[in-house]
């Protein structure tokens, strides 16, 4: 029993560390130039082209909720679904960072509602401080069993905030 708890604790810490490390390292990797002397590799053509929400919906989230750049990504081999957004207006976006409100990610196709896990030493896998304009925030939903997949359309609900039809990248 004790051995199982130790393994489970170590695994959750590993997932939390990888998630945090991936978030911190992502912007730097995305902007690094190609090595000198080697041409940049052409991206392989992909049939997967997610349909983003409309310009009108984007304006709605900005005007009503004070956020933009909403994204949902499958990370950690599909075990975690990360929802992220950028704050435009800190007062309007307060509810999204309120730690008293339990967010959920709903996939109507799979018939599941994902929650944010609470790790023993780390706490909830979400940012819950006072939002600041211009900064990006994230929360990670547990996708045990990998029921939510890339290409699925999901809904994110945080109190009165609701973002419908976001495509999982």
N, C-alpha and C. Protein backbone atom coordinates (compact mmCIF):
# COMPACT_ATOMS: atom_id res chain seq x y z
N UNK A 1 0.82 -1.19 0.00
CA UNK A 1 0.00 0.00 0.00
C UNK A 1 0.87 1.25 0.00
N UNK A 2 1.87 1.28 0.92
CA UNK A 2 2.76 2.43 1.00
C UNK A 2 3.55 2.59 -0.29
N UNK A 3 4.05 1.47 -0.85
CA UNK A 3 4.82 1.50 -2.09
C UNK A 3 3.98 2.08 -3.23
N UNK A 4 2.70 1.73 -3.28
CA UNK A 4 1.79 2.25 -4.32
C UNK A 4 1.63 3.76 -4.19
N UNK A 5 1.49 4.27 -2.93
CA UNK A 5 1.35 5.71 -2.71
C UNK A 5 2.62 6.45 -3.12
N UNK A 6 3.77 5.87 -2.82
CA UNK A 6 5.04 6.50 -3.18
C UNK A 6 5.16 6.59 -4.70
N UNK A 7 4.84 5.49 -5.40
CA UNK A 7 4.90 5.50 -6.87
C UNK A 7 3.92 6.51 -7.45
N UNK A 8 2.70 6.53 -6.91
CA UNK A 8 1.69 7.47 -7.40
C UNK A 8 2.13 8.90 -7.17
N UNK A 9 2.70 9.17 -5.98
CA UNK A 9 3.19 10.52 -5.68
C UNK A 9 4.33 10.91 -6.60
N UNK A 10 5.23 9.99 -6.86
CA UNK A 10 6.37 10.27 -7.74
C UNK A 10 5.88 10.51 -9.17
N UNK A 11 4.89 9.74 -9.60
CA UNK A 11 4.37 9.91 -10.96
C UNK A 11 3.66 11.25 -11.11
N UNK A 12 2.89 11.65 -10.12
CA UNK A 12 2.19 12.93 -10.23
C UNK A 12 3.17 14.10 -10.18
N UNK A 13 4.23 13.97 -9.37
CA UNK A 13 5.25 15.02 -9.34
C UNK A 13 5.96 15.11 -10.68
N UNK A 14 6.21 13.97 -11.31
CA UNK A 14 6.86 13.94 -12.62
C UNK A 14 5.98 14.63 -13.65
N UNK A 15 4.69 14.34 -13.66
CA UNK A 15 3.76 14.97 -14.60
C UNK A 15 3.72 16.48 -14.36
N UNK A 16 3.64 16.89 -13.09
CA UNK A 16 3.60 18.32 -12.77
C UNK A 16 4.89 19.00 -13.22
N UNK A 17 6.03 18.36 -12.97
CA UNK A 17 7.32 18.94 -13.39
C UNK A 17 7.44 19.04 -14.89
N UNK A 18 7.02 18.00 -15.60
CA UNK A 18 7.08 18.03 -17.06
C UNK A 18 6.16 19.08 -17.62
N UNK A 19 4.97 19.20 -17.04
CA UNK A 19 4.02 20.20 -17.50
C UNK A 19 4.57 21.60 -17.29
N UNK A 20 5.06 21.86 -16.09
CA UNK A 20 5.61 23.18 -15.79
C UNK A 20 6.84 23.45 -16.65
N UNK A 21 7.71 22.47 -16.82
CA UNK A 21 8.90 22.65 -17.66
C UNK A 21 8.55 22.89 -19.11
N UNK A 22 7.54 22.19 -19.60
CA UNK A 22 7.11 22.37 -20.99
C UNK A 22 6.52 23.73 -21.23
N UNK A 23 5.79 24.25 -20.24
CA UNK A 23 5.19 25.57 -20.37
C UNK A 23 6.27 26.64 -20.37
N UNK A 24 7.25 26.49 -19.50
CA UNK A 24 8.31 27.48 -19.42
C UNK A 24 9.24 27.41 -20.62
N UNK A 25 9.44 26.24 -21.18
CA UNK A 25 10.38 26.08 -22.28
C UNK A 25 9.75 26.33 -23.64
N UNK A 26 8.45 26.24 -23.75
CA UNK A 26 7.78 26.36 -25.04
C UNK A 26 8.09 27.65 -25.80
N UNK A 27 7.96 28.85 -25.18
CA UNK A 27 8.22 30.06 -25.94
C UNK A 27 9.65 30.15 -26.45
N UNK A 28 10.61 29.69 -25.67
CA UNK A 28 12.01 29.76 -26.10
C UNK A 28 12.25 28.85 -27.29
N UNK A 29 11.68 27.65 -27.27
CA UNK A 29 11.87 26.72 -28.37
C UNK A 29 11.20 27.22 -29.64
N UNK A 30 10.05 27.85 -29.48
CA UNK A 30 9.30 28.30 -30.64
C UNK A 30 10.02 29.41 -31.38
N UNK A 31 10.90 30.17 -30.70
CA UNK A 31 11.55 31.29 -31.32
C UNK A 31 13.01 31.03 -31.65
N UNK A 32 13.52 29.84 -31.40
CA UNK A 32 14.92 29.59 -31.67
C UNK A 32 15.16 29.44 -33.17
N UNK A 33 16.21 30.08 -33.69
CA UNK A 33 16.49 30.01 -35.12
C UNK A 33 17.04 28.63 -35.51
N UNK A 34 16.99 28.32 -36.81
CA UNK A 34 17.56 27.07 -37.31
C UNK A 34 19.07 27.13 -37.16
N UNK A 35 19.73 26.01 -36.90
CA UNK A 35 21.18 26.01 -36.76
C UNK A 35 21.85 26.56 -38.02
N UNK A 36 22.95 27.28 -37.83
CA UNK A 36 23.65 27.89 -38.95
C UNK A 36 24.18 26.81 -39.89
N UNK A 37 24.09 27.05 -41.18
CA UNK A 37 24.62 26.12 -42.17
C UNK A 37 23.62 25.05 -42.58
N UNK A 38 22.51 24.94 -41.90
CA UNK A 38 21.51 23.94 -42.25
C UNK A 38 20.23 24.66 -42.65
N UNK A 39 19.64 24.28 -43.79
CA UNK A 39 18.38 24.91 -44.16
C UNK A 39 17.28 24.46 -43.21
N UNK A 40 16.30 25.34 -42.99
CA UNK A 40 15.18 25.00 -42.12
C UNK A 40 14.38 23.88 -42.77
N UNK A 41 14.03 22.88 -41.99
CA UNK A 41 13.26 21.75 -42.53
C UNK A 41 11.84 22.18 -42.81
N UNK A 42 11.34 21.78 -43.96
CA UNK A 42 9.97 22.11 -44.32
C UNK A 42 9.03 21.25 -43.49
N UNK A 43 7.98 21.86 -43.00
CA UNK A 43 7.00 21.12 -42.20
C UNK A 43 6.25 20.15 -43.10
N UNK A 44 6.03 18.97 -42.58
CA UNK A 44 5.29 17.97 -43.34
C UNK A 44 3.85 18.43 -43.50
N UNK A 45 3.27 18.27 -44.68
CA UNK A 45 1.89 18.70 -44.87
C UNK A 45 0.96 17.90 -43.96
N UNK A 46 -0.01 18.58 -43.41
CA UNK A 46 -0.94 17.94 -42.49
C UNK A 46 -2.37 18.20 -42.94
N UNK A 47 -3.19 17.18 -42.81
CA UNK A 47 -4.60 17.34 -43.14
C UNK A 47 -5.36 17.95 -41.98
N UNK A 48 -4.76 17.90 -40.81
CA UNK A 48 -5.42 18.41 -39.61
C UNK A 48 -5.34 19.93 -39.59
N UNK A 49 -6.47 20.58 -39.76
CA UNK A 49 -6.56 22.03 -39.71
C UNK A 49 -7.71 22.41 -38.79
N UNK A 50 -7.42 22.73 -37.54
CA UNK A 50 -8.52 23.04 -36.63
C UNK A 50 -9.25 24.31 -37.05
N UNK A 51 -10.56 24.28 -36.94
CA UNK A 51 -11.36 25.47 -37.20
C UNK A 51 -11.44 26.27 -35.92
N UNK A 52 -10.85 27.42 -35.92
CA UNK A 52 -10.88 28.29 -34.74
C UNK A 52 -12.26 28.91 -34.64
N UNK A 53 -12.55 29.47 -33.47
CA UNK A 53 -13.84 30.11 -33.33
C UNK A 53 -13.87 31.40 -34.13
N UNK A 54 -15.04 31.90 -34.38
CA UNK A 54 -15.23 33.06 -35.25
C UNK A 54 -14.64 34.33 -34.64
N UNK A 55 -14.46 35.31 -35.48
CA UNK A 55 -13.95 36.62 -35.04
C UNK A 55 -14.92 37.24 -34.04
N UNK A 56 -16.20 37.00 -34.26
CA UNK A 56 -17.23 37.54 -33.37
C UNK A 56 -17.10 36.92 -31.97
N UNK A 57 -16.86 35.61 -31.92
CA UNK A 57 -16.67 34.94 -30.63
C UNK A 57 -15.41 35.45 -29.95
N UNK A 58 -14.36 35.65 -30.71
CA UNK A 58 -13.11 36.18 -30.16
C UNK A 58 -13.32 37.56 -29.54
N UNK A 59 -14.08 38.39 -30.23
CA UNK A 59 -14.40 39.73 -29.71
C UNK A 59 -15.24 39.62 -28.43
N UNK A 60 -16.18 38.66 -28.40
CA UNK A 60 -17.02 38.46 -27.23
C UNK A 60 -16.17 38.15 -26.00
N UNK A 61 -15.24 37.20 -26.14
CA UNK A 61 -14.39 36.82 -25.01
C UNK A 61 -13.55 38.01 -24.54
N UNK A 62 -13.09 38.82 -25.47
CA UNK A 62 -12.29 39.98 -25.12
C UNK A 62 -13.10 41.06 -24.42
N UNK A 63 -14.30 41.36 -24.95
CA UNK A 63 -15.12 42.43 -24.40
C UNK A 63 -15.81 42.03 -23.09
N UNK A 64 -16.35 40.83 -23.03
CA UNK A 64 -17.12 40.41 -21.85
C UNK A 64 -16.23 39.85 -20.75
N UNK A 65 -15.26 39.00 -21.12
CA UNK A 65 -14.45 38.30 -20.12
C UNK A 65 -13.02 38.83 -20.00
N UNK A 66 -12.60 39.72 -20.89
CA UNK A 66 -11.27 40.30 -20.80
C UNK A 66 -10.14 39.35 -21.12
N UNK A 67 -10.40 38.34 -21.99
CA UNK A 67 -9.37 37.37 -22.37
C UNK A 67 -9.38 37.15 -23.87
N UNK A 68 -8.24 36.69 -24.38
CA UNK A 68 -8.16 36.28 -25.78
C UNK A 68 -7.14 35.16 -25.89
N UNK A 69 -6.84 34.74 -27.10
CA UNK A 69 -5.89 33.66 -27.38
C UNK A 69 -6.23 32.39 -26.60
N UNK A 70 -7.51 32.02 -26.59
CA UNK A 70 -7.93 30.80 -25.93
C UNK A 70 -7.38 29.61 -26.70
N UNK A 71 -6.81 28.65 -26.00
CA UNK A 71 -6.32 27.45 -26.67
C UNK A 71 -6.45 26.24 -25.76
N UNK A 72 -6.66 25.10 -26.38
CA UNK A 72 -6.76 23.83 -25.66
C UNK A 72 -5.80 22.87 -26.35
N UNK A 73 -4.86 22.32 -25.59
CA UNK A 73 -3.84 21.43 -26.16
C UNK A 73 -3.74 20.15 -25.37
N UNK A 74 -3.52 19.07 -26.10
CA UNK A 74 -3.25 17.78 -25.49
C UNK A 74 -1.74 17.71 -25.24
N UNK A 75 -1.35 17.52 -23.98
CA UNK A 75 0.08 17.46 -23.63
C UNK A 75 0.35 16.21 -22.81
N UNK A 76 1.61 15.94 -22.56
CA UNK A 76 2.02 14.76 -21.78
C UNK A 76 1.43 13.48 -22.35
N UNK A 77 1.59 13.28 -23.65
CA UNK A 77 1.12 12.08 -24.35
C UNK A 77 -0.38 11.89 -24.22
N UNK A 78 -1.11 12.99 -24.10
CA UNK A 78 -2.57 12.92 -24.03
C UNK A 78 -3.13 12.72 -22.64
N UNK A 79 -2.29 12.59 -21.62
CA UNK A 79 -2.76 12.38 -20.25
C UNK A 79 -3.27 13.67 -19.61
N UNK A 80 -2.88 14.81 -20.19
CA UNK A 80 -3.27 16.11 -19.64
C UNK A 80 -3.77 16.98 -20.79
N UNK A 81 -4.84 17.73 -20.54
CA UNK A 81 -5.35 18.71 -21.50
C UNK A 81 -5.14 20.08 -20.87
N UNK A 82 -4.39 20.94 -21.56
CA UNK A 82 -4.04 22.27 -21.03
C UNK A 82 -4.89 23.34 -21.71
N UNK A 83 -5.60 24.11 -20.91
CA UNK A 83 -6.37 25.25 -21.39
C UNK A 83 -5.59 26.50 -21.03
N UNK A 84 -5.35 27.36 -22.00
CA UNK A 84 -4.61 28.59 -21.72
C UNK A 84 -5.31 29.79 -22.37
N UNK A 85 -5.01 30.97 -21.82
CA UNK A 85 -5.63 32.20 -22.30
C UNK A 85 -4.74 33.37 -21.90
N UNK A 86 -4.91 34.48 -22.61
CA UNK A 86 -4.18 35.71 -22.27
C UNK A 86 -5.17 36.72 -21.72
N UNK A 87 -4.80 37.40 -20.65
CA UNK A 87 -5.67 38.38 -20.02
C UNK A 87 -5.49 39.74 -20.68
N UNK A 88 -6.62 40.34 -21.07
CA UNK A 88 -6.63 41.69 -21.61
C UNK A 88 -7.05 42.70 -20.54
N UNK A 89 -8.06 42.33 -19.76
CA UNK A 89 -8.62 43.18 -18.71
C UNK A 89 -8.67 42.36 -17.42
N UNK A 90 -7.83 42.72 -16.46
CA UNK A 90 -7.70 41.94 -15.23
C UNK A 90 -9.00 41.88 -14.43
N UNK A 91 -9.76 42.97 -14.39
CA UNK A 91 -11.01 42.98 -13.62
C UNK A 91 -12.03 42.01 -14.20
N UNK A 92 -12.16 42.00 -15.52
CA UNK A 92 -13.13 41.11 -16.17
C UNK A 92 -12.70 39.65 -16.08
N UNK A 93 -11.41 39.39 -16.02
CA UNK A 93 -10.89 38.01 -16.03
C UNK A 93 -10.74 37.41 -14.64
N UNK A 94 -11.11 38.14 -13.58
CA UNK A 94 -10.94 37.65 -12.21
C UNK A 94 -11.57 36.28 -12.00
N UNK A 95 -12.77 36.07 -12.53
CA UNK A 95 -13.49 34.82 -12.29
C UNK A 95 -12.72 33.61 -12.82
N UNK A 96 -11.98 33.77 -13.90
CA UNK A 96 -11.24 32.65 -14.47
C UNK A 96 -10.12 32.18 -13.55
N UNK A 97 -9.58 33.07 -12.73
CA UNK A 97 -8.48 32.72 -11.82
C UNK A 97 -8.94 32.49 -10.39
N UNK A 98 -10.24 32.56 -10.13
CA UNK A 98 -10.77 32.39 -8.78
C UNK A 98 -10.60 30.94 -8.34
N UNK A 99 -9.80 30.72 -7.30
CA UNK A 99 -9.52 29.35 -6.87
C UNK A 99 -10.71 28.69 -6.20
N UNK A 100 -11.74 29.43 -5.85
CA UNK A 100 -12.94 28.86 -5.24
C UNK A 100 -13.87 28.26 -6.29
N UNK A 101 -13.66 28.59 -7.56
CA UNK A 101 -14.50 28.07 -8.64
C UNK A 101 -13.80 26.88 -9.28
N UNK A 102 -14.52 25.77 -9.40
CA UNK A 102 -13.97 24.55 -9.99
C UNK A 102 -14.21 24.54 -11.50
N UNK A 103 -13.16 24.68 -12.30
CA UNK A 103 -13.32 24.61 -13.76
C UNK A 103 -13.59 23.18 -14.22
N UNK A 104 -14.21 23.06 -15.38
CA UNK A 104 -14.38 21.74 -15.99
C UNK A 104 -14.22 21.87 -17.50
N UNK A 105 -13.74 20.81 -18.10
CA UNK A 105 -13.58 20.72 -19.54
C UNK A 105 -14.50 19.59 -19.99
N UNK A 106 -15.46 19.93 -20.84
CA UNK A 106 -16.49 18.98 -21.25
C UNK A 106 -16.28 18.60 -22.71
N UNK A 107 -16.25 17.30 -22.97
CA UNK A 107 -16.19 16.79 -24.34
C UNK A 107 -17.50 16.06 -24.61
N UNK A 108 -18.44 16.72 -25.32
CA UNK A 108 -19.73 16.09 -25.56
C UNK A 108 -19.63 14.81 -26.39
N UNK A 109 -18.66 14.75 -27.33
CA UNK A 109 -18.50 13.57 -28.18
C UNK A 109 -18.09 12.35 -27.35
N UNK A 110 -17.15 12.54 -26.44
CA UNK A 110 -16.67 11.45 -25.60
C UNK A 110 -17.57 11.23 -24.39
N UNK A 111 -18.44 12.22 -24.10
CA UNK A 111 -19.34 12.11 -22.96
C UNK A 111 -18.63 12.19 -21.63
N UNK A 112 -17.58 13.05 -21.54
CA UNK A 112 -16.83 13.16 -20.30
C UNK A 112 -16.70 14.62 -19.88
N UNK A 113 -16.48 14.80 -18.59
CA UNK A 113 -16.20 16.11 -18.02
C UNK A 113 -14.92 15.97 -17.21
N UNK A 114 -13.87 16.65 -17.64
CA UNK A 114 -12.56 16.56 -16.98
C UNK A 114 -12.45 17.62 -15.89
N UNK A 115 -11.71 17.29 -14.84
CA UNK A 115 -11.47 18.21 -13.74
C UNK A 115 -9.97 18.44 -13.57
N UNK A 116 -9.65 19.45 -12.80
CA UNK A 116 -8.25 19.76 -12.52
C UNK A 116 -7.82 18.92 -11.32
N UNK A 117 -6.76 18.13 -11.47
CA UNK A 117 -6.32 17.30 -10.34
C UNK A 117 -5.62 18.14 -9.28
N UNK A 118 -5.70 17.67 -8.05
CA UNK A 118 -4.99 18.30 -6.93
C UNK A 118 -3.89 17.35 -6.51
N UNK A 119 -2.65 17.79 -6.63
CA UNK A 119 -1.51 16.97 -6.24
C UNK A 119 -1.12 17.30 -4.80
N UNK A 120 -0.67 16.29 -4.09
CA UNK A 120 -0.41 16.41 -2.67
C UNK A 120 0.56 17.56 -2.33
N UNK A 121 1.69 17.64 -3.01
CA UNK A 121 2.69 18.64 -2.67
C UNK A 121 2.63 19.89 -3.54
N UNK A 122 1.94 19.79 -4.67
CA UNK A 122 1.89 20.90 -5.62
C UNK A 122 0.58 21.67 -5.52
N UNK A 123 -0.50 20.98 -5.20
CA UNK A 123 -1.82 21.60 -5.17
C UNK A 123 -2.51 21.41 -6.52
N UNK A 124 -3.47 22.27 -6.80
CA UNK A 124 -4.21 22.21 -8.06
C UNK A 124 -3.31 22.63 -9.21
N UNK A 125 -3.46 21.96 -10.35
CA UNK A 125 -2.65 22.29 -11.53
C UNK A 125 -3.32 23.42 -12.31
N UNK A 126 -3.29 24.61 -11.69
CA UNK A 126 -3.83 25.80 -12.34
C UNK A 126 -3.24 27.04 -11.69
N UNK A 127 -3.31 28.13 -12.39
CA UNK A 127 -2.86 29.39 -11.83
C UNK A 127 -4.09 30.09 -11.24
N UNK A 128 -3.96 30.57 -10.01
CA UNK A 128 -5.13 31.16 -9.37
C UNK A 128 -4.82 32.49 -8.69
N UNK A 129 -3.74 33.12 -9.05
CA UNK A 129 -3.41 34.42 -8.48
C UNK A 129 -4.22 35.52 -9.14
N UNK A 130 -4.03 36.74 -8.69
CA UNK A 130 -4.72 37.88 -9.29
C UNK A 130 -4.22 38.06 -10.72
N UNK A 131 -5.15 38.05 -11.69
CA UNK A 131 -4.70 38.18 -13.09
C UNK A 131 -4.13 39.56 -13.39
N UNK A 132 -3.18 39.59 -14.32
CA UNK A 132 -2.57 40.84 -14.77
C UNK A 132 -2.72 40.94 -16.27
N UNK A 133 -3.08 42.11 -16.76
CA UNK A 133 -3.25 42.33 -18.19
C UNK A 133 -1.94 42.05 -18.92
N UNK A 134 -2.06 41.35 -20.06
CA UNK A 134 -0.91 41.06 -20.89
C UNK A 134 -0.24 39.73 -20.57
N UNK A 135 -0.61 39.10 -19.47
CA UNK A 135 0.00 37.82 -19.10
C UNK A 135 -0.89 36.66 -19.50
N UNK A 136 -0.26 35.53 -19.77
CA UNK A 136 -0.99 34.31 -20.12
C UNK A 136 -1.10 33.41 -18.91
N UNK A 137 -2.21 32.71 -18.83
CA UNK A 137 -2.48 31.81 -17.71
C UNK A 137 -2.92 30.46 -18.26
N UNK A 138 -2.81 29.42 -17.43
CA UNK A 138 -3.15 28.07 -17.87
C UNK A 138 -3.76 27.28 -16.73
N UNK A 139 -4.40 26.20 -17.10
CA UNK A 139 -4.89 25.20 -16.15
C UNK A 139 -4.82 23.85 -16.86
N UNK A 140 -4.56 22.82 -16.10
CA UNK A 140 -4.37 21.49 -16.68
C UNK A 140 -5.46 20.54 -16.17
N UNK A 141 -6.13 19.89 -17.10
CA UNK A 141 -7.19 18.94 -16.77
C UNK A 141 -6.65 17.52 -16.93
N UNK A 142 -6.99 16.66 -15.99
CA UNK A 142 -6.57 15.26 -16.05
C UNK A 142 -7.39 14.54 -17.12
N UNK A 143 -6.70 13.86 -18.03
CA UNK A 143 -7.36 13.13 -19.12
C UNK A 143 -7.02 11.65 -19.00
N UNK A 144 -7.26 11.10 -17.82
CA UNK A 144 -6.94 9.70 -17.57
C UNK A 144 -7.75 8.84 -18.53
N UNK A 145 -7.08 7.91 -19.17
CA UNK A 145 -7.74 7.07 -20.17
C UNK A 145 -7.72 7.69 -21.55
N UNK A 146 -7.20 8.89 -21.66
CA UNK A 146 -7.08 9.61 -22.94
C UNK A 146 -8.39 9.62 -23.72
N UNK A 147 -9.49 9.95 -23.05
CA UNK A 147 -10.80 9.98 -23.70
C UNK A 147 -10.96 11.20 -24.60
N UNK A 148 -10.33 12.33 -24.22
CA UNK A 148 -10.36 13.53 -25.05
C UNK A 148 -9.14 13.47 -25.95
N UNK A 149 -9.37 13.63 -27.26
CA UNK A 149 -8.29 13.48 -28.24
C UNK A 149 -8.12 14.74 -29.08
N UNK A 150 -6.96 14.82 -29.73
CA UNK A 150 -6.71 15.94 -30.66
C UNK A 150 -7.82 15.97 -31.69
N UNK A 151 -8.27 17.18 -32.01
CA UNK A 151 -9.32 17.35 -33.00
C UNK A 151 -10.72 17.40 -32.41
N UNK A 152 -10.88 16.95 -31.16
CA UNK A 152 -12.19 17.01 -30.51
C UNK A 152 -12.56 18.46 -30.23
N UNK A 153 -13.85 18.73 -30.27
CA UNK A 153 -14.36 20.05 -29.87
C UNK A 153 -14.84 19.95 -28.44
N UNK A 154 -14.32 20.85 -27.59
CA UNK A 154 -14.63 20.79 -26.17
C UNK A 154 -15.17 22.14 -25.68
N UNK A 155 -15.78 22.10 -24.51
CA UNK A 155 -16.30 23.30 -23.85
C UNK A 155 -15.57 23.46 -22.52
N UNK A 156 -15.14 24.68 -22.22
CA UNK A 156 -14.50 24.97 -20.95
C UNK A 156 -15.46 25.84 -20.15
N UNK A 157 -15.76 25.39 -18.93
CA UNK A 157 -16.69 26.11 -18.06
C UNK A 157 -15.99 26.45 -16.76
N UNK A 158 -15.99 27.77 -16.43
CA UNK A 158 -15.39 28.25 -15.19
C UNK A 158 -16.40 29.23 -14.60
N UNK A 159 -17.23 28.76 -13.69
CA UNK A 159 -18.29 29.61 -13.13
C UNK A 159 -19.25 30.03 -14.23
N UNK A 160 -19.43 31.34 -14.42
CA UNK A 160 -20.31 31.87 -15.47
C UNK A 160 -19.63 31.88 -16.84
N UNK A 161 -18.31 31.80 -16.87
CA UNK A 161 -17.56 31.77 -18.13
C UNK A 161 -17.78 30.44 -18.83
N UNK A 162 -18.02 30.52 -20.13
CA UNK A 162 -18.19 29.31 -20.93
C UNK A 162 -17.62 29.56 -22.32
N UNK A 163 -16.67 28.73 -22.72
CA UNK A 163 -16.09 28.79 -24.06
C UNK A 163 -16.46 27.48 -24.76
N UNK A 164 -17.31 27.55 -25.77
CA UNK A 164 -17.81 26.36 -26.45
C UNK A 164 -17.08 26.14 -27.78
N UNK A 165 -16.93 24.88 -28.13
CA UNK A 165 -16.41 24.52 -29.45
C UNK A 165 -14.93 24.75 -29.66
N UNK A 166 -14.14 24.76 -28.59
CA UNK A 166 -12.69 24.91 -28.76
C UNK A 166 -12.11 23.59 -29.25
N UNK A 167 -11.21 23.67 -30.23
CA UNK A 167 -10.62 22.47 -30.81
C UNK A 167 -9.35 22.11 -30.05
N UNK A 168 -9.24 20.85 -29.68
CA UNK A 168 -8.04 20.36 -28.98
C UNK A 168 -6.93 20.20 -29.99
N UNK A 169 -5.82 20.91 -29.78
CA UNK A 169 -4.64 20.80 -30.66
C UNK A 169 -3.76 19.68 -30.19
